[in-house]
């Protein structure tokens, strides 16, 4: 998985478990695409300090995933939903209105995840 996508997922699932300071710095790197230098200047912390904080957050968030496996479960559920969607689409005996309702419900499940 792409490192940026992985970081985004980890933050989405477990970011609230970081301190406010960690959240601010980590989201600036992951979502705002700010460089270490930009964050360092803005926060008054050395680039090395920012780098260390990001690495620490990576380890913390990865540790949560190793224990809780929420992202792994999320991906597995999405695969199953996609398979169900494919089965429904390929089934000729299901009326179009029912297919549309099933697809709508599947999309809602994914949104709620």
C-alpha atoms as a PDB file:
ATOM      1  CA  UNK A   1       0.000   0.000   0.000  1.00  0.00           C
ATOM      2  CA  UNK A   2       1.199   3.478  -0.791  1.00  0.00           C
ATOM      3  CA  UNK A   3       2.748   5.027   2.316  1.00  0.00           C
ATOM      4  CA  UNK A   4       0.624   8.178   2.103  1.00  0.00           C
ATOM      5  CA  UNK A   5      -2.597   6.184   1.715  1.00  0.00           C
ATOM      6  CA  UNK A   6      -1.579   3.910   4.581  1.00  0.00           C
ATOM      7  CA  UNK A   7      -0.841   6.910   6.796  1.00  0.00           C
ATOM      8  CA  UNK A   8      -4.183   8.458   5.883  1.00  0.00           C
ATOM      9  CA  UNK A   9      -6.069   5.299   6.776  1.00  0.00           C
ATOM     10  CA  UNK A  10      -4.175   4.906  10.033  1.00  0.00           C
ATOM     11  CA  UNK A  11      -4.959   8.506  10.933  1.00  0.00           C
ATOM     12  CA  UNK A  12      -8.619   8.179   9.942  1.00  0.00           C
ATOM     13  CA  UNK A  13      -9.059   5.113  12.137  1.00  0.00           C
ATOM     14  CA  UNK A  14      -6.795   5.909  15.081  1.00  0.00           C
ATOM     15  CA  UNK A  15      -5.853   9.597  14.864  1.00  0.00           C
ATOM     16  CA  UNK A  16      -8.145  10.581  17.719  1.00  0.00           C
ATOM     17  CA  UNK A  17      -5.949   8.484  20.015  1.00  0.00           C
ATOM     18  CA  UNK A  18      -2.990  10.801  19.409  1.00  0.00           C
ATOM     19  CA  UNK A  19      -2.446  13.941  21.469  1.00  0.00           C
ATOM     20  CA  UNK A  20      -3.705  17.218  19.990  1.00  0.00           C
ATOM     21  CA  UNK A  21      -0.114  18.234  19.213  1.00  0.00           C
ATOM     22  CA  UNK A  22       0.618  14.920  17.478  1.00  0.00           C
ATOM     23  CA  UNK A  23      -2.617  15.189  15.501  1.00  0.00           C
ATOM     24  CA  UNK A  24      -1.772  18.694  14.332  1.00  0.00           C
ATOM     25  CA  UNK A  25       1.740  17.809  13.159  1.00  0.00           C
ATOM     26  CA  UNK A  26       0.815  14.433  11.672  1.00  0.00           C
ATOM     27  CA  UNK A  27      -2.158  15.796   9.738  1.00  0.00           C
ATOM     28  CA  UNK A  28       0.002  18.662   8.430  1.00  0.00           C
ATOM     29  CA  UNK A  29       2.377  16.101   6.909  1.00  0.00           C
ATOM     30  CA  UNK A  30      -0.206  13.592   5.722  1.00  0.00           C
ATOM     31  CA  UNK A  31      -3.110  15.754   4.594  1.00  0.00           C
ATOM     32  CA  UNK A  32      -1.660  19.221   4.042  1.00  0.00           C
ATOM     33  CA  UNK A  33       1.520  17.888   2.403  1.00  0.00           C
ATOM     34  CA  UNK A  34       3.697  20.343   4.321  1.00  0.00           C
ATOM     35  CA  UNK A  35       7.417  19.734   4.442  1.00  0.00           C
ATOM     36  CA  UNK A  36       9.331  19.161   7.649  1.00  0.00           C
ATOM     37  CA  UNK A  37      10.908  22.583   7.163  1.00  0.00           C
ATOM     38  CA  UNK A  38       7.550  24.314   6.803  1.00  0.00           C
ATOM     39  CA  UNK A  39       6.157  22.667   9.912  1.00  0.00           C
ATOM     40  CA  UNK A  40       9.393  23.270  11.803  1.00  0.00           C
ATOM     41  CA  UNK A  41       9.246  26.967  11.014  1.00  0.00           C
ATOM     42  CA  UNK A  42       5.557  27.231  11.878  1.00  0.00           C
ATOM     43  CA  UNK A  43       5.800  25.295  15.159  1.00  0.00           C
ATOM     44  CA  UNK A  44       9.230  26.464  16.337  1.00  0.00           C
ATOM     45  CA  UNK A  45      10.502  22.890  16.520  1.00  0.00           C
ATOM     46  CA  UNK A  46      13.579  21.518  14.775  1.00  0.00           C
ATOM     47  CA  UNK A  47      13.157  19.525  11.578  1.00  0.00           C
ATOM     48  CA  UNK A  48      14.629  16.549  13.425  1.00  0.00           C
ATOM     49  CA  UNK A  49      12.008  16.983  16.145  1.00  0.00           C
ATOM     50  CA  UNK A  50       9.234  16.968  13.569  1.00  0.00           C
ATOM     51  CA  UNK A  51      10.740  13.929  11.849  1.00  0.00           C
ATOM     52  CA  UNK A  52      10.979  12.061  15.165  1.00  0.00           C
ATOM     53  CA  UNK A  53       7.391  12.963  16.062  1.00  0.00           C
ATOM     54  CA  UNK A  54       6.112  11.688  12.701  1.00  0.00           C
ATOM     55  CA  UNK A  55       8.019   8.418  13.079  1.00  0.00           C
ATOM     56  CA  UNK A  56       6.705   8.031  16.633  1.00  0.00           C
ATOM     57  CA  UNK A  57       3.145   8.628  15.408  1.00  0.00           C
ATOM     58  CA  UNK A  58       3.660   6.084  12.615  1.00  0.00           C
ATOM     59  CA  UNK A  59       4.730   3.503  15.209  1.00  0.00           C
ATOM     60  CA  UNK A  60       1.864   4.360  17.562  1.00  0.00           C
ATOM     61  CA  UNK A  61      -0.791   4.194  14.835  1.00  0.00           C
ATOM     62  CA  UNK A  62       0.671   1.007  13.340  1.00  0.00           C
ATOM     63  CA  UNK A  63       0.689  -0.528  16.811  1.00  0.00           C
ATOM     64  CA  UNK A  64      -3.004   0.183  17.190  1.00  0.00           C
ATOM     65  CA  UNK A  65      -3.681  -1.489  13.844  1.00  0.00           C
ATOM     66  CA  UNK A  66      -1.572  -4.520  14.794  1.00  0.00           C
ATOM     67  CA  UNK A  67      -3.683  -4.968  17.901  1.00  0.00           C
ATOM     68  CA  UNK A  68      -7.147  -3.939  16.738  1.00  0.00           C
ATOM     69  CA  UNK A  69      -7.058  -4.776  13.005  1.00  0.00           C
ATOM     70  CA  UNK A  70      -9.797  -2.244  12.192  1.00  0.00           C
ATOM     71  CA  UNK A  71      -8.323  -1.317   8.809  1.00  0.00           C
ATOM     72  CA  UNK A  72      -7.846  -4.960   7.898  1.00  0.00           C
ATOM     73  CA  UNK A  73     -11.491  -5.650   8.775  1.00  0.00           C
ATOM     74  CA  UNK A  74     -12.616  -2.535   6.891  1.00  0.00           C
ATOM     75  CA  UNK A  75     -10.831  -3.702   3.730  1.00  0.00           C
ATOM     76  CA  UNK A  76     -12.244  -7.230   4.051  1.00  0.00           C
ATOM     77  CA  UNK A  77     -15.778  -5.871   4.405  1.00  0.00           C
ATOM     78  CA  UNK A  78     -15.301  -3.647   1.344  1.00  0.00           C
ATOM     79  CA  UNK A  79     -14.164  -6.682  -0.681  1.00  0.00           C
ATOM     80  CA  UNK A  80     -17.238  -8.644   0.408  1.00  0.00           C
ATOM     81  CA  UNK A  81     -19.547  -5.741  -0.399  1.00  0.00           C
ATOM     82  CA  UNK A  82     -17.968  -5.460  -3.833  1.00  0.00           C
ATOM     83  CA  UNK A  83     -18.491  -9.183  -4.379  1.00  0.00           C
ATOM     84  CA  UNK A  84     -22.154  -8.902  -3.364  1.00  0.00           C
ATOM     85  CA  UNK A  85     -22.536  -5.939  -5.700  1.00  0.00           C
ATOM     86  CA  UNK A  86     -21.083  -8.011  -8.541  1.00  0.00           C
ATOM     87  CA  UNK A  87     -23.401 -10.922  -7.810  1.00  0.00           C
ATOM     88  CA  UNK A  88     -26.450  -8.666  -7.741  1.00  0.00           C
ATOM     89  CA  UNK A  89     -25.430  -6.955 -10.973  1.00  0.00           C
ATOM     90  CA  UNK A  90     -24.919 -10.287 -12.725  1.00  0.00           C
ATOM     91  CA  UNK A  91     -28.193 -11.802 -11.573  1.00  0.00           C
ATOM     92  CA  UNK A  92     -30.834 -11.548 -14.295  1.00  0.00           C
ATOM     93  CA  UNK A  93     -33.805 -12.619 -12.188  1.00  0.00           C
ATOM     94  CA  UNK A  94     -33.642  -9.721  -9.728  1.00  0.00           C
ATOM     95  CA  UNK A  95     -35.876  -6.807 -10.740  1.00  0.00           C
ATOM     96  CA  UNK A  96     -34.060  -3.543 -11.498  1.00  0.00           C
ATOM     97  CA  UNK A  97     -35.759  -1.728  -8.627  1.00  0.00           C
ATOM     98  CA  UNK A  98     -34.581  -4.376  -6.167  1.00  0.00           C
ATOM     99  CA  UNK A  99     -31.050  -4.232  -7.604  1.00  0.00           C
ATOM    100  CA  UNK A 100     -31.028  -0.474  -7.181  1.00  0.00           C
ATOM    101  CA  UNK A 101     -32.213  -0.788  -3.573  1.00  0.00           C
ATOM    102  CA  UNK A 102     -29.552  -3.410  -2.779  1.00  0.00           C
ATOM    103  CA  UNK A 103     -26.828  -1.282  -4.360  1.00  0.00           C
ATOM    104  CA  UNK A 104     -28.032   1.746  -2.436  1.00  0.00           C
ATOM    105  CA  UNK A 105     -27.916  -0.184   0.837  1.00  0.00           C
ATOM    106  CA  UNK A 106     -24.402  -1.477   0.044  1.00  0.00           C
ATOM    107  CA  UNK A 107     -23.200   2.071  -0.607  1.00  0.00           C
ATOM    108  CA  UNK A 108     -24.722   3.168   2.685  1.00  0.00           C
ATOM    109  CA  UNK A 109     -22.899   0.382   4.523  1.00  0.00           C
ATOM    110  CA  UNK A 110     -19.589   1.508   3.010  1.00  0.00           C
ATOM    111  CA  UNK A 111     -20.292   5.127   4.010  1.00  0.00           C
ATOM    112  CA  UNK A 112     -21.009   4.058   7.569  1.00  0.00           C
ATOM    113  CA  UNK A 113     -17.756   2.137   7.798  1.00  0.00           C
END
